[in-house]
C-alpha atoms as a PDB file:
ATOM      1  CA  MET A   1     -11.761 -16.935  11.634  1.00  0.00           C
ATOM      2  CA  THR A   2     -10.003 -17.653  14.907  1.00  0.00           C
ATOM      3  CA  MET A   3      -7.742 -15.149  16.555  1.00  0.00           C
ATOM      4  CA  THR A   4      -4.168 -16.333  17.012  1.00  0.00           C
ATOM      5  CA  GLU A   5      -2.242 -15.113  19.993  1.00  0.00           C
ATOM      6  CA  PRO A   6       1.090 -13.648  18.791  1.00  0.00           C
ATOM      7  CA  THR A   7       4.367 -14.651  20.439  1.00  0.00           C
ATOM      8  CA  PHE A   8       5.193 -10.976  20.948  1.00  0.00           C
ATOM      9  CA  THR A   9       3.619  -7.750  22.153  1.00  0.00           C
ATOM     10  CA  LEU A  10       3.657  -4.386  20.428  1.00  0.00           C
ATOM     11  CA  SER A  11       3.653  -0.928  21.962  1.00  0.00           C
ATOM     12  CA  ARG A  12       4.992   2.556  21.329  1.00  0.00           C
ATOM     13  CA  ASN A  13       7.876   4.173  23.188  1.00  0.00           C
ATOM     14  CA  ALA A  14       7.900   7.784  24.447  1.00  0.00           C
ATOM     15  CA  LEU A  15       8.968   8.976  20.961  1.00  0.00           C
ATOM     16  CA  GLY A  16       6.088   7.155  19.280  1.00  0.00           C
ATOM     17  CA  ARG A  17       8.261   4.462  17.723  1.00  0.00           C
ATOM     18  CA  LEU A  18       6.970   0.918  17.445  1.00  0.00           C
ATOM     19  CA  MET A  19       8.447  -1.488  20.006  1.00  0.00           C
ATOM     20  CA  LEU A  20       8.322  -5.290  19.976  1.00  0.00           C
ATOM     21  CA  THR A  21       8.738  -7.393  23.106  1.00  0.00           C
ATOM     22  CA  THR A  22       9.351 -11.098  22.527  1.00  0.00           C
ATOM     23  CA  ALA A  23       7.898 -13.888  24.673  1.00  0.00           C
ATOM     24  CA  GLN A  24      11.371 -14.118  26.283  1.00  0.00           C
ATOM     25  CA  GLY A  25      11.226 -10.454  27.336  1.00  0.00           C
ATOM     26  CA  GLU A  26      13.630  -9.063  24.726  1.00  0.00           C
ATOM     27  CA  VAL A  27      12.684  -5.486  23.783  1.00  0.00           C
ATOM     28  CA  HIS A  28      13.348  -4.143  20.294  1.00  0.00           C
ATOM     29  CA  GLU A  29      12.793  -0.448  19.529  1.00  0.00           C
ATOM     30  CA  ALA A  30      12.182   1.214  16.151  1.00  0.00           C
ATOM     31  CA  VAL A  31      10.595  -1.916  14.659  1.00  0.00           C
ATOM     32  CA  THR A  32       9.374  -1.605  11.076  1.00  0.00           C
ATOM     33  CA  PRO A  33       6.482  -3.644   9.651  1.00  0.00           C
ATOM     34  CA  VAL A  34       7.063  -4.756   6.052  1.00  0.00           C
ATOM     35  CA  ARG A  35       4.331  -6.407   3.976  1.00  0.00           C
ATOM     36  CA  ALA A  36       5.389  -9.380   1.850  1.00  0.00           C
ATOM     37  CA  PHE A  37       2.879  -8.516  -0.907  1.00  0.00           C
ATOM     38  CA  PRO A  38       1.655  -4.954  -0.263  1.00  0.00           C
ATOM     39  CA  ILE A  39      -0.459  -4.628  -3.402  1.00  0.00           C
ATOM     40  CA  THR A  40      -1.623  -8.117  -4.345  1.00  0.00           C
ATOM     41  CA  ALA A  41      -2.149  -9.574  -0.831  1.00  0.00           C
ATOM     42  CA  PRO A  42      -1.865  -6.795   1.767  1.00  0.00           C
ATOM     43  CA  ASP A  43      -3.324  -8.918   4.591  1.00  0.00           C
ATOM     44  CA  ASP A  44      -1.086 -11.933   3.981  1.00  0.00           C
ATOM     45  CA  GLY A  45       2.434 -12.003   5.342  1.00  0.00           C
ATOM     46  CA  LEU A  46       4.056  -9.247   7.324  1.00  0.00           C
ATOM     47  CA  SER A  47       7.566  -9.171   8.711  1.00  0.00           C
ATOM     48  CA  LEU A  48       8.528  -7.143  11.777  1.00  0.00           C
ATOM     49  CA  VAL A  49      12.075  -5.967  11.154  1.00  0.00           C
ATOM     50  CA  SER A  50      14.606  -4.494  13.586  1.00  0.00           C
ATOM     51  CA  ALA A  51      16.387  -1.181  13.013  1.00  0.00           C
ATOM     52  CA  GLU A  52      19.356  -3.269  11.822  1.00  0.00           C
ATOM     53  CA  GLY A  53      17.222  -4.978   9.169  1.00  0.00           C
ATOM     54  CA  ARG A  54      16.853  -8.364  10.924  1.00  0.00           C
ATOM     55  CA  GLU A  55      13.473 -10.085  10.941  1.00  0.00           C
ATOM     56  CA  LEU A  56      12.178 -10.345  14.505  1.00  0.00           C
ATOM     57  CA  ALA A  57       8.736 -11.846  13.916  1.00  0.00           C
ATOM     58  CA  TRP A  58       6.494 -13.064  11.114  1.00  0.00           C
ATOM     59  CA  VAL A  59       2.756 -12.437  10.988  1.00  0.00           C
ATOM     60  CA  PRO A  60       1.046 -14.816   8.522  1.00  0.00           C
ATOM     61  CA  ARG A  61      -2.253 -12.892   8.456  1.00  0.00           C
ATOM     62  CA  ILE A  62      -2.700  -9.381   9.886  1.00  0.00           C
ATOM     63  CA  SER A  63      -6.479  -9.710  10.232  1.00  0.00           C
ATOM     64  CA  ALA A  64      -6.027 -12.761  12.477  1.00  0.00           C
ATOM     65  CA  LEU A  65      -4.201 -10.722  15.147  1.00  0.00           C
ATOM     66  CA  PRO A  66      -6.024  -9.494  18.246  1.00  0.00           C
ATOM     67  CA  GLU A  67      -7.367  -5.941  17.937  1.00  0.00           C
ATOM     68  CA  ALA A  68      -4.659  -4.004  19.838  1.00  0.00           C
ATOM     69  CA  PRO A  69      -1.574  -5.238  17.906  1.00  0.00           C
ATOM     70  CA  ARG A  70      -3.511  -5.210  14.627  1.00  0.00           C
ATOM     71  CA  ARG A  71      -4.476  -1.562  15.169  1.00  0.00           C
ATOM     72  CA  LEU A  72      -0.867  -0.577  15.954  1.00  0.00           C
ATOM     73  CA  LEU A  73       0.430  -2.333  12.832  1.00  0.00           C
ATOM     74  CA  GLU A  74      -2.229  -0.825  10.574  1.00  0.00           C
ATOM     75  CA  GLU A  75      -1.496   2.643  11.968  1.00  0.00           C
ATOM     76  CA  GLU A  76       2.236   2.194  11.394  1.00  0.00           C
ATOM     77  CA  LEU A  77       1.703   0.879   7.863  1.00  0.00           C
ATOM     78  CA  ARG A  78      -0.583   3.798   6.948  1.00  0.00           C
ATOM     79  CA  GLY A  79       2.228   6.161   7.902  1.00  0.00           C
ATOM     80  CA  ARG A  80       4.762   4.323   5.735  1.00  0.00           C
ATOM     81  CA  GLU A  81       2.792   3.315   2.670  1.00  0.00           C
ATOM     82  CA  PHE A  82       1.667   5.816   0.105  1.00  0.00           C
ATOM     83  CA  VAL A  83      -0.314   4.305  -2.750  1.00  0.00           C
ATOM     84  CA  PRO A  84      -3.129   6.669  -3.690  1.00  0.00           C
ATOM     85  CA  GLU A  85      -6.172   5.039  -5.291  1.00  0.00           C
ATOM     86  CA  ILE A  86      -7.415   6.619  -8.503  1.00  0.00           C
ATOM     87  CA  ARG A  87     -11.171   7.138  -8.305  1.00  0.00           C
ATOM     88  CA  ARG A  88     -11.591   9.190 -11.504  1.00  0.00           C
ATOM     89  CA  ILE A  89      -9.502  10.421 -14.418  1.00  0.00           C
ATOM     90  CA  VAL A  90     -10.523  14.027 -15.026  1.00  0.00           C
ATOM     91  CA  SER A  91      -8.374  14.761 -18.078  1.00  0.00           C
ATOM     92  CA  VAL A  92      -5.233  13.853 -20.010  1.00  0.00           C
ATOM     93  CA  SER A  93      -3.122  16.409 -21.880  1.00  0.00           C
ATOM     94  CA  THR A  94      -2.485  14.163 -24.888  1.00  0.00           C
ATOM     95  CA  PHE A  95      -3.089  10.569 -25.971  1.00  0.00           C
ATOM     96  CA  SER A  96       0.615  10.039 -26.600  1.00  0.00           C
ATOM     97  CA  THR A  97       3.344   9.888 -23.984  1.00  0.00           C
ATOM     98  CA  PRO A  98       4.542  11.759 -22.086  1.00  0.00           C
ATOM     99  CA  SER A  99       1.106  12.820 -20.961  1.00  0.00           C
ATOM    100  CA  THR A 100      -0.077  14.829 -17.952  1.00  0.00           C
ATOM    101  CA  TRP A 101      -3.131  13.407 -16.228  1.00  0.00           C
ATOM    102  CA  VAL A 102      -5.433  15.120 -13.748  1.00  0.00           C
ATOM    103  CA  VAL A 103      -6.857  12.444 -11.438  1.00  0.00           C
ATOM    104  CA  GLU A 104      -9.104  12.306  -8.399  1.00  0.00           C
ATOM    105  CA  THR A 105      -7.730   9.957  -5.767  1.00  0.00           C
ATOM    106  CA  ASP A 106      -8.732   8.856  -2.293  1.00  0.00           C
ATOM    107  CA  ARG A 107      -6.316  11.571  -1.093  1.00  0.00           C
ATOM    108  CA  GLY A 108      -7.568  14.408  -3.300  1.00  0.00           C
ATOM    109  CA  THR A 109      -7.084  15.719  -6.828  1.00  0.00           C
ATOM    110  CA  THR A 110      -3.578  15.675  -8.274  1.00  0.00           C
ATOM    111  CA  GLU A 111      -1.581  15.577 -11.500  1.00  0.00           C
ATOM    112  CA  LEU A 112       0.668  12.779 -12.648  1.00  0.00           C
ATOM    113  CA  VAL A 113       2.916  12.479 -15.670  1.00  0.00           C
ATOM    114  CA  LEU A 114       2.764   9.206 -17.561  1.00  0.00           C
ATOM    115  CA  LYS A 115       6.175   8.910 -19.247  1.00  0.00           C
ATOM    116  CA  VAL A 116       5.545   5.726 -21.259  1.00  0.00           C
ATOM    117  CA  GLU A 117       2.546   3.441 -21.704  1.00  0.00           C
ATOM    118  CA  GLU A 118       4.503   0.630 -20.020  1.00  0.00           C
ATOM    119  CA  ASP A 119       4.127   2.574 -16.752  1.00  0.00           C
ATOM    120  CA  ILE A 120       0.571   1.200 -16.638  1.00  0.00           C
ATOM    121  CA  ARG A 121       0.732  -2.378 -15.353  1.00  0.00           C
ATOM    122  CA  ARG A 122      -2.142  -4.834 -15.094  1.00  0.00           C
ATOM    123  CA  LEU A 123      -2.178  -6.921 -11.940  1.00  0.00           C
ATOM    124  CA  VAL A 124      -3.141 -10.584 -11.785  1.00  0.00           C
ATOM    125  CA  GLU A 125      -6.559  -9.707 -10.364  1.00  0.00           C
ATOM    126  CA  ARG A 126      -8.824  -8.694 -13.214  1.00  0.00           C
ATOM    127  CA  GLY A 127      -9.400  -4.977 -13.377  1.00  0.00           C
ATOM    128  CA  ARG A 128      -6.570  -3.859 -11.053  1.00  0.00           C
ATOM    129  CA  LEU A 129      -3.933  -1.509 -12.428  1.00  0.00           C
ATOM    130  CA  LEU A 130      -0.761   0.126 -11.138  1.00  0.00           C
ATOM    131  CA  ILE A 131       0.195   3.429 -12.748  1.00  0.00           C
ATOM    132  CA  THR A 132       3.661   4.794 -12.006  1.00  0.00           C
ATOM    133  CA  SER A 133       4.051   8.540 -12.380  1.00  0.00           C
ATOM    134  CA  GLY A 134       7.118  10.283 -13.735  1.00  0.00           C
ATOM    135  CA  HIS A 135       8.024  11.120 -10.116  1.00  0.00           C
ATOM    136  CA  GLY A 136       7.984   7.451  -9.093  1.00  0.00           C
ATOM    137  CA  ILE A 137       4.700   7.579  -7.172  1.00  0.00           C
ATOM    138  CA  VAL A 138       2.622   4.456  -7.718  1.00  0.00           C
ATOM    139  CA  PHE A 139      -1.133   4.935  -8.104  1.00  0.00           C
ATOM    140  CA  LEU A 140      -3.600   2.068  -7.805  1.00  0.00           C
ATOM    141  CA  VAL A 141      -6.796   1.538  -9.759  1.00  0.00           C
ATOM    142  CA  PRO A 142      -8.411  -1.085  -7.498  1.00  0.00           C
ATOM    143  CA  ASP A 143     -11.135  -2.054  -9.978  1.00  0.00           C
ATOM    144  CA  LEU A 144     -11.203  -0.740 -13.524  1.00  0.00           C
ATOM    145  CA  THR A 145     -14.879  -1.706 -13.864  1.00  0.00           C
ATOM    146  CA  LEU A 146     -15.860   0.733 -11.092  1.00  0.00           C
ATOM    147  CA  LEU A 147     -14.454   3.792 -12.874  1.00  0.00           C
ATOM    148  CA  ASP A 148     -16.952   6.155 -14.501  1.00  0.00           C
ATOM    149  CA  ARG A 149     -17.473   6.017 -18.269  1.00  0.00           C
ATOM    150  CA  HIS A 150     -15.314   9.106 -18.992  1.00  0.00           C
ATOM    151  CA  SER A 151     -12.369   7.680 -16.992  1.00  0.00           C
ATOM    152  CA  LYS A 152     -12.617   4.294 -18.729  1.00  0.00           C
ATOM    153  CA  LYS A 153     -12.680   5.971 -22.143  1.00  0.00           C
ATOM    154  CA  LEU A 154      -9.518   7.986 -21.391  1.00  0.00           C
ATOM    155  CA  LEU A 155      -7.723   4.985 -19.911  1.00  0.00           C
ATOM    156  CA  GLU A 156      -8.600   2.698 -22.849  1.00  0.00           C
ATOM    157  CA  ARG A 157      -6.534   4.925 -25.125  1.00  0.00           C
ATOM    158  CA  PHE A 158      -3.418   3.915 -23.153  1.00  0.00           C
ATOM    159  CA  LEU A 159      -4.130   0.212 -22.581  1.00  0.00           C
END
């Protein structure tokens, strides 16, 4: 894959906020990166938006950027996005809803409340699930086939 040279530069100001400088020398502070498809295609399509909500630049593919701007964008996105990945389902309180689940995620062990079975959504990619907790936090199961047998058995009762 060839690296494409962006028509802008990225840096941080003294307060740590992301700054974008256009090829014409215009400086925009407090720029926010927004993925077009954060779950289904996280590398494809990213908009850099001004503090006023106006799109300043479009990045077709994050991985095609040179290392320095790519690193800044990934760092900024990690701070904004919170989608824990479920690695294991430890237990469920009941097989009807609402149900309290104890899950191990990539960010540690936590509890979530599944209000209704419709809060488990299958994504287009086979084996990927989104589970929305009663508090509105979205959890991702990146590949259902990689879960351990116990987790699959508990999850099957809700699918």
